[in-house]
């Protein structure tokens, strides 16, 4: 059985993993746990962020399991809406870069999304809430 833990990971070289361990004063095993999302706390999120944004590691994942409605209307505007089992809802206002993520009714992210790569990051964020 595949679980959310094995669905995504950060692909980093051995050299990058060693740098992360040294930078964050953790063991190589802990870096592995962070990069495979088996550890998920503030330090783990910092390690993943640093791996991708500082050292150029590549985030990989399978498509998030969510219900997607491509042609719907919200507040009189056409939107694409995605809903996850964890209570997260992503709304992209068509014709604009505007993306909103709500979690259990509370807005947790509202930004102008700059490209498909960023949309994927936002989807992963929504899935992880």
N, C-alpha and C. Protein backbone atom coordinates (compact mmCIF):
# COMPACT_ATOMS: atom_id res chain seq x y z
N UNK A 1 0.85 -1.19 0.00
CA UNK A 1 0.00 0.00 0.00
C UNK A 1 0.88 1.24 0.00
N UNK A 2 0.58 2.19 -0.86
CA UNK A 2 1.33 3.44 -0.90
C UNK A 2 0.66 4.44 0.02
N UNK A 3 1.48 5.19 0.71
CA UNK A 3 0.95 6.20 1.62
C UNK A 3 1.44 7.57 1.18
N UNK A 4 0.89 8.60 1.80
CA UNK A 4 1.30 9.97 1.47
C UNK A 4 2.79 10.17 1.72
N UNK A 5 3.35 9.42 2.67
CA UNK A 5 4.77 9.55 2.97
C UNK A 5 5.61 9.18 1.75
N UNK A 6 5.21 8.15 1.01
CA UNK A 6 6.00 7.72 -0.14
C UNK A 6 5.58 8.41 -1.42
N UNK A 7 4.59 9.26 -1.38
CA UNK A 7 4.08 9.90 -2.57
C UNK A 7 4.95 11.08 -3.03
N UNK A 8 5.74 11.65 -2.14
CA UNK A 8 6.54 12.81 -2.52
C UNK A 8 7.88 12.78 -1.80
N UNK A 9 8.84 13.43 -2.42
CA UNK A 9 10.17 13.48 -1.82
C UNK A 9 10.98 14.58 -2.50
N UNK A 10 12.06 14.94 -1.86
CA UNK A 10 13.01 15.90 -2.42
C UNK A 10 14.22 15.10 -2.89
N UNK A 11 14.54 15.21 -4.17
CA UNK A 11 15.67 14.48 -4.75
C UNK A 11 16.92 15.35 -4.62
N UNK A 12 17.80 14.98 -3.70
CA UNK A 12 19.03 15.72 -3.44
C UNK A 12 20.23 14.79 -3.58
N UNK A 13 21.32 15.33 -4.07
CA UNK A 13 22.54 14.53 -4.19
C UNK A 13 23.09 14.21 -2.81
N UNK A 14 23.99 13.24 -2.77
CA UNK A 14 24.65 12.88 -1.51
C UNK A 14 25.39 14.09 -0.93
N UNK A 15 26.01 14.87 -1.80
CA UNK A 15 26.72 16.07 -1.36
C UNK A 15 25.77 17.07 -0.70
N UNK A 16 24.62 17.29 -1.31
CA UNK A 16 23.63 18.22 -0.74
C UNK A 16 23.11 17.69 0.59
N UNK A 17 22.84 16.39 0.67
CA UNK A 17 22.36 15.80 1.92
C UNK A 17 23.40 15.98 3.03
N UNK A 18 24.67 15.83 2.69
CA UNK A 18 25.73 16.03 3.69
C UNK A 18 25.78 17.49 4.14
N UNK A 19 25.66 18.42 3.20
CA UNK A 19 25.65 19.84 3.56
C UNK A 19 24.47 20.17 4.46
N UNK A 20 23.30 19.60 4.16
CA UNK A 20 22.11 19.85 4.98
C UNK A 20 22.32 19.33 6.40
N UNK A 21 22.88 18.13 6.51
CA UNK A 21 23.13 17.55 7.84
C UNK A 21 24.07 18.45 8.65
N UNK A 22 25.13 18.94 7.99
CA UNK A 22 26.09 19.80 8.68
C UNK A 22 25.46 21.16 9.03
N UNK A 23 24.75 21.75 8.07
CA UNK A 23 24.13 23.07 8.28
C UNK A 23 23.14 23.05 9.44
N UNK A 24 22.32 21.99 9.50
CA UNK A 24 21.27 21.94 10.52
C UNK A 24 21.66 21.11 11.74
N UNK A 25 22.93 20.64 11.77
CA UNK A 25 23.44 19.88 12.91
C UNK A 25 22.53 18.69 13.23
N UNK A 26 22.25 17.89 12.19
CA UNK A 26 21.43 16.70 12.34
C UNK A 26 22.15 15.53 11.67
N UNK A 27 21.64 14.34 11.88
CA UNK A 27 22.24 13.15 11.27
C UNK A 27 21.81 13.02 9.80
N UNK A 28 22.59 12.31 9.00
CA UNK A 28 22.18 12.04 7.62
C UNK A 28 20.84 11.31 7.56
N UNK A 29 20.59 10.43 8.52
CA UNK A 29 19.30 9.72 8.55
C UNK A 29 18.15 10.69 8.74
N UNK A 30 18.33 11.69 9.60
CA UNK A 30 17.27 12.68 9.81
C UNK A 30 17.03 13.49 8.54
N UNK A 31 18.08 13.84 7.82
CA UNK A 31 17.92 14.55 6.55
C UNK A 31 17.08 13.69 5.60
N UNK A 32 17.41 12.40 5.53
CA UNK A 32 16.63 11.48 4.70
C UNK A 32 15.16 11.50 5.12
N UNK A 33 14.90 11.44 6.42
CA UNK A 33 13.51 11.46 6.92
C UNK A 33 12.80 12.75 6.51
N UNK A 34 13.52 13.85 6.53
CA UNK A 34 12.93 15.14 6.13
C UNK A 34 12.64 15.17 4.64
N UNK A 35 13.61 14.73 3.84
CA UNK A 35 13.46 14.81 2.39
C UNK A 35 12.42 13.84 1.85
N UNK A 36 12.06 12.83 2.63
CA UNK A 36 11.01 11.89 2.22
C UNK A 36 9.70 12.15 2.97
N UNK A 37 9.62 13.28 3.67
CA UNK A 37 8.42 13.73 4.39
C UNK A 37 8.01 12.79 5.52
N UNK A 38 8.93 11.97 5.99
CA UNK A 38 8.63 11.13 7.14
C UNK A 38 8.76 11.92 8.43
N UNK A 39 9.54 12.98 8.40
CA UNK A 39 9.62 13.94 9.51
C UNK A 39 8.94 15.22 9.02
N UNK A 40 8.05 15.74 9.83
CA UNK A 40 7.35 16.96 9.44
C UNK A 40 7.15 17.86 10.64
N UNK A 41 8.14 18.68 10.86
CA UNK A 41 8.08 19.70 11.90
C UNK A 41 8.77 20.93 11.34
N UNK A 42 8.95 21.95 12.14
CA UNK A 42 9.52 23.20 11.63
C UNK A 42 10.92 22.99 11.05
N UNK A 43 11.76 22.23 11.74
CA UNK A 43 13.11 21.99 11.24
C UNK A 43 13.08 21.20 9.94
N UNK A 44 12.21 20.21 9.85
CA UNK A 44 12.10 19.40 8.63
C UNK A 44 11.67 20.27 7.45
N UNK A 45 10.73 21.17 7.68
CA UNK A 45 10.29 22.07 6.61
C UNK A 45 11.42 23.00 6.18
N UNK A 46 12.22 23.47 7.14
CA UNK A 46 13.38 24.32 6.81
C UNK A 46 14.41 23.55 5.99
N UNK A 47 14.64 22.31 6.36
CA UNK A 47 15.58 21.47 5.62
C UNK A 47 15.09 21.28 4.19
N UNK A 48 13.81 20.97 4.00
CA UNK A 48 13.27 20.79 2.64
C UNK A 48 13.36 22.09 1.85
N UNK A 49 13.00 23.20 2.48
CA UNK A 49 13.06 24.50 1.79
C UNK A 49 14.49 24.80 1.35
N UNK A 50 15.45 24.60 2.26
CA UNK A 50 16.85 24.87 1.95
C UNK A 50 17.35 23.96 0.83
N UNK A 51 16.97 22.70 0.89
CA UNK A 51 17.39 21.75 -0.15
C UNK A 51 16.96 22.24 -1.53
N UNK A 52 15.72 22.70 -1.63
CA UNK A 52 15.18 23.11 -2.93
C UNK A 52 15.65 24.51 -3.32
N UNK A 53 15.51 25.47 -2.42
CA UNK A 53 15.73 26.87 -2.78
C UNK A 53 17.18 27.34 -2.67
N UNK A 54 17.99 26.66 -1.89
CA UNK A 54 19.39 27.05 -1.75
C UNK A 54 20.30 26.12 -2.57
N UNK A 55 20.05 24.81 -2.46
CA UNK A 55 20.94 23.84 -3.10
C UNK A 55 20.41 23.27 -4.41
N UNK A 56 19.23 23.70 -4.84
CA UNK A 56 18.73 23.30 -6.15
C UNK A 56 18.22 21.87 -6.25
N UNK A 57 17.90 21.25 -5.13
CA UNK A 57 17.32 19.90 -5.17
C UNK A 57 15.94 19.98 -5.82
N UNK A 58 15.47 18.87 -6.33
CA UNK A 58 14.22 18.83 -7.08
C UNK A 58 13.13 18.16 -6.26
N UNK A 59 11.99 18.85 -6.11
CA UNK A 59 10.84 18.28 -5.42
C UNK A 59 10.06 17.40 -6.40
N UNK A 60 9.79 16.18 -5.99
CA UNK A 60 9.03 15.23 -6.80
C UNK A 60 7.79 14.81 -6.03
N UNK A 61 6.74 14.55 -6.76
CA UNK A 61 5.52 14.05 -6.12
C UNK A 61 4.60 13.47 -7.18
N UNK A 62 3.70 12.68 -6.70
CA UNK A 62 2.62 12.21 -7.56
C UNK A 62 1.51 13.25 -7.46
N UNK A 63 0.63 13.29 -8.41
CA UNK A 63 -0.44 14.28 -8.39
C UNK A 63 -1.23 14.17 -7.09
N UNK A 64 -1.53 15.30 -6.48
CA UNK A 64 -2.30 15.26 -5.23
C UNK A 64 -3.66 14.63 -5.46
N UNK A 65 -4.08 13.81 -4.52
CA UNK A 65 -5.40 13.20 -4.60
C UNK A 65 -6.42 14.20 -4.07
N UNK A 66 -7.17 14.76 -4.97
CA UNK A 66 -8.17 15.73 -4.57
C UNK A 66 -9.28 15.74 -5.62
N UNK A 67 -10.39 16.30 -5.23
CA UNK A 67 -11.49 16.48 -6.17
C UNK A 67 -11.28 17.83 -6.85
N UNK A 68 -11.31 17.84 -8.17
CA UNK A 68 -11.08 19.07 -8.92
C UNK A 68 -12.30 19.38 -9.78
N UNK A 69 -12.79 20.61 -9.64
CA UNK A 69 -13.89 21.10 -10.46
C UNK A 69 -13.34 22.24 -11.31
N UNK A 70 -13.29 22.04 -12.61
CA UNK A 70 -12.66 23.00 -13.51
C UNK A 70 -13.58 24.14 -13.94
N UNK A 71 -14.83 23.88 -14.04
CA UNK A 71 -15.77 24.89 -14.53
C UNK A 71 -16.85 25.14 -13.49
N UNK A 72 -16.54 25.98 -12.54
CA UNK A 72 -17.51 26.33 -11.52
C UNK A 72 -17.45 27.83 -11.27
N UNK A 73 -18.39 28.33 -10.52
CA UNK A 73 -18.45 29.77 -10.25
C UNK A 73 -18.46 29.98 -8.74
N UNK A 74 -17.69 30.96 -8.31
CA UNK A 74 -17.66 31.32 -6.90
C UNK A 74 -17.63 32.84 -6.82
N UNK A 75 -18.52 33.42 -6.06
CA UNK A 75 -18.63 34.88 -5.96
C UNK A 75 -18.79 35.53 -7.33
N UNK A 76 -19.50 34.86 -8.24
CA UNK A 76 -19.75 35.41 -9.57
C UNK A 76 -18.56 35.33 -10.51
N UNK A 77 -17.48 34.66 -10.10
CA UNK A 77 -16.28 34.54 -10.93
C UNK A 77 -16.05 33.07 -11.28
N UNK A 78 -15.53 32.82 -12.48
CA UNK A 78 -15.21 31.46 -12.88
C UNK A 78 -13.93 31.02 -12.18
N UNK A 79 -13.97 29.80 -11.63
CA UNK A 79 -12.83 29.30 -10.87
C UNK A 79 -12.57 27.83 -11.17
N UNK A 80 -11.34 27.41 -10.87
CA UNK A 80 -11.02 26.00 -10.71
C UNK A 80 -10.92 25.79 -9.21
N UNK A 81 -11.59 24.75 -8.71
CA UNK A 81 -11.64 24.51 -7.27
C UNK A 81 -11.16 23.10 -6.99
N UNK A 82 -10.24 22.96 -6.02
CA UNK A 82 -9.74 21.65 -5.61
C UNK A 82 -9.99 21.48 -4.12
N UNK A 83 -10.49 20.31 -3.74
CA UNK A 83 -10.80 20.02 -2.34
C UNK A 83 -10.09 18.73 -1.92
N UNK A 84 -9.40 18.79 -0.76
CA UNK A 84 -8.71 17.63 -0.20
C UNK A 84 -9.47 17.11 1.00
N UNK A 85 -9.23 15.85 1.33
CA UNK A 85 -9.89 15.22 2.48
C UNK A 85 -9.53 15.87 3.80
N UNK A 86 -8.41 16.60 3.84
CA UNK A 86 -7.97 17.24 5.09
C UNK A 86 -8.70 18.56 5.37
N UNK A 87 -9.65 18.93 4.52
CA UNK A 87 -10.39 20.17 4.71
C UNK A 87 -9.82 21.36 3.96
N UNK A 88 -8.74 21.16 3.21
CA UNK A 88 -8.14 22.25 2.43
C UNK A 88 -8.89 22.42 1.11
N UNK A 89 -9.03 23.68 0.71
CA UNK A 89 -9.67 24.03 -0.55
C UNK A 89 -8.78 25.05 -1.26
N UNK A 90 -8.44 24.75 -2.51
CA UNK A 90 -7.67 25.67 -3.34
C UNK A 90 -8.62 26.23 -4.39
N UNK A 91 -8.60 27.55 -4.55
CA UNK A 91 -9.43 28.21 -5.57
C UNK A 91 -8.52 29.05 -6.44
N UNK A 92 -8.55 28.78 -7.73
CA UNK A 92 -7.82 29.59 -8.72
C UNK A 92 -8.85 30.35 -9.53
N UNK A 93 -8.77 31.67 -9.51
CA UNK A 93 -9.70 32.52 -10.25
C UNK A 93 -9.25 32.61 -11.70
N UNK A 94 -10.03 32.03 -12.57
CA UNK A 94 -9.66 31.92 -13.99
C UNK A 94 -9.46 33.29 -14.62
N UNK A 95 -8.48 33.37 -15.49
CA UNK A 95 -8.17 34.61 -16.17
C UNK A 95 -7.30 35.54 -15.35
N UNK A 96 -6.95 35.09 -14.15
CA UNK A 96 -6.08 35.88 -13.26
C UNK A 96 -5.04 34.94 -12.66
N UNK A 97 -3.99 35.48 -12.07
CA UNK A 97 -3.03 34.62 -11.35
C UNK A 97 -3.45 34.38 -9.90
N UNK A 98 -4.60 34.88 -9.49
CA UNK A 98 -5.02 34.84 -8.08
C UNK A 98 -5.39 33.43 -7.63
N UNK A 99 -4.73 32.98 -6.55
CA UNK A 99 -4.98 31.68 -5.96
C UNK A 99 -5.21 31.87 -4.46
N UNK A 100 -6.22 31.18 -3.94
CA UNK A 100 -6.54 31.23 -2.51
C UNK A 100 -6.58 29.80 -1.99
N UNK A 101 -6.01 29.59 -0.80
CA UNK A 101 -6.13 28.31 -0.11
C UNK A 101 -6.81 28.57 1.22
N UNK A 102 -7.84 27.79 1.48
CA UNK A 102 -8.54 27.84 2.76
C UNK A 102 -8.40 26.47 3.42
N UNK A 103 -8.28 26.49 4.73
CA UNK A 103 -8.23 25.23 5.47
C UNK A 103 -9.26 25.29 6.58
N UNK A 104 -10.22 24.41 6.49
CA UNK A 104 -11.31 24.35 7.46
C UNK A 104 -11.96 25.72 7.63
N UNK A 105 -12.19 26.39 6.49
CA UNK A 105 -12.91 27.66 6.47
C UNK A 105 -12.07 28.90 6.69
N UNK A 106 -10.78 28.74 7.05
CA UNK A 106 -9.91 29.89 7.32
C UNK A 106 -8.94 30.06 6.17
N UNK A 107 -8.83 31.29 5.65
CA UNK A 107 -7.88 31.56 4.56
C UNK A 107 -6.46 31.49 5.10
N UNK A 108 -5.64 30.62 4.46
CA UNK A 108 -4.26 30.44 4.91
C UNK A 108 -3.24 30.90 3.86
N UNK A 109 -3.69 31.16 2.63
CA UNK A 109 -2.79 31.64 1.59
C UNK A 109 -3.62 32.37 0.55
N UNK A 110 -3.11 33.51 0.11
CA UNK A 110 -3.75 34.30 -0.94
C UNK A 110 -2.63 35.00 -1.70
N UNK A 111 -2.42 34.62 -2.96
CA UNK A 111 -1.32 35.22 -3.70
C UNK A 111 -1.57 35.17 -5.20
N UNK A 112 -0.79 35.95 -5.91
CA UNK A 112 -0.76 35.88 -7.36
C UNK A 112 0.25 34.79 -7.72
N UNK A 113 -0.24 33.71 -8.27
CA UNK A 113 0.58 32.54 -8.59
C UNK A 113 1.36 32.79 -9.87
N UNK A 114 2.66 32.65 -9.80
CA UNK A 114 3.54 32.91 -10.94
C UNK A 114 3.97 31.61 -11.60
N UNK A 115 3.08 30.98 -12.35
CA UNK A 115 3.44 29.81 -13.14
C UNK A 115 3.01 28.49 -12.55
N UNK A 116 3.11 27.47 -13.39
CA UNK A 116 2.67 26.13 -13.03
C UNK A 116 3.51 25.53 -11.91
N UNK A 117 4.80 25.80 -11.89
CA UNK A 117 5.66 25.26 -10.82
C UNK A 117 5.19 25.77 -9.46
N UNK A 118 4.84 27.03 -9.38
CA UNK A 118 4.35 27.59 -8.11
C UNK A 118 2.99 27.01 -7.77
N UNK A 119 2.12 26.81 -8.75
CA UNK A 119 0.81 26.21 -8.49
C UNK A 119 1.00 24.81 -7.89
N UNK A 120 1.95 24.06 -8.41
CA UNK A 120 2.23 22.74 -7.88
C UNK A 120 2.67 22.83 -6.42
N UNK A 121 3.52 23.79 -6.10
CA UNK A 121 3.95 23.99 -4.71
C UNK A 121 2.76 24.33 -3.82
N UNK A 122 1.86 25.16 -4.33
CA UNK A 122 0.67 25.55 -3.55
C UNK A 122 -0.22 24.33 -3.34
N UNK A 123 -0.36 23.49 -4.36
CA UNK A 123 -1.15 22.27 -4.21
C UNK A 123 -0.55 21.35 -3.15
N UNK A 124 0.77 21.21 -3.16
CA UNK A 124 1.43 20.39 -2.13
C UNK A 124 1.22 20.97 -0.75
N UNK A 125 1.27 22.29 -0.65
CA UNK A 125 1.03 22.96 0.62
C UNK A 125 -0.40 22.65 1.11
N UNK A 126 -1.38 22.80 0.21
CA UNK A 126 -2.77 22.53 0.58
C UNK A 126 -2.94 21.08 1.01
N UNK A 127 -2.31 20.19 0.29
CA UNK A 127 -2.40 18.76 0.61
C UNK A 127 -1.78 18.46 1.97
N UNK A 128 -0.78 19.22 2.38
CA UNK A 128 -0.06 18.95 3.62
C UNK A 128 -0.72 19.55 4.87
N UNK A 129 -1.71 20.39 4.70
CA UNK A 129 -2.34 21.04 5.85
C UNK A 129 -3.07 20.04 6.75
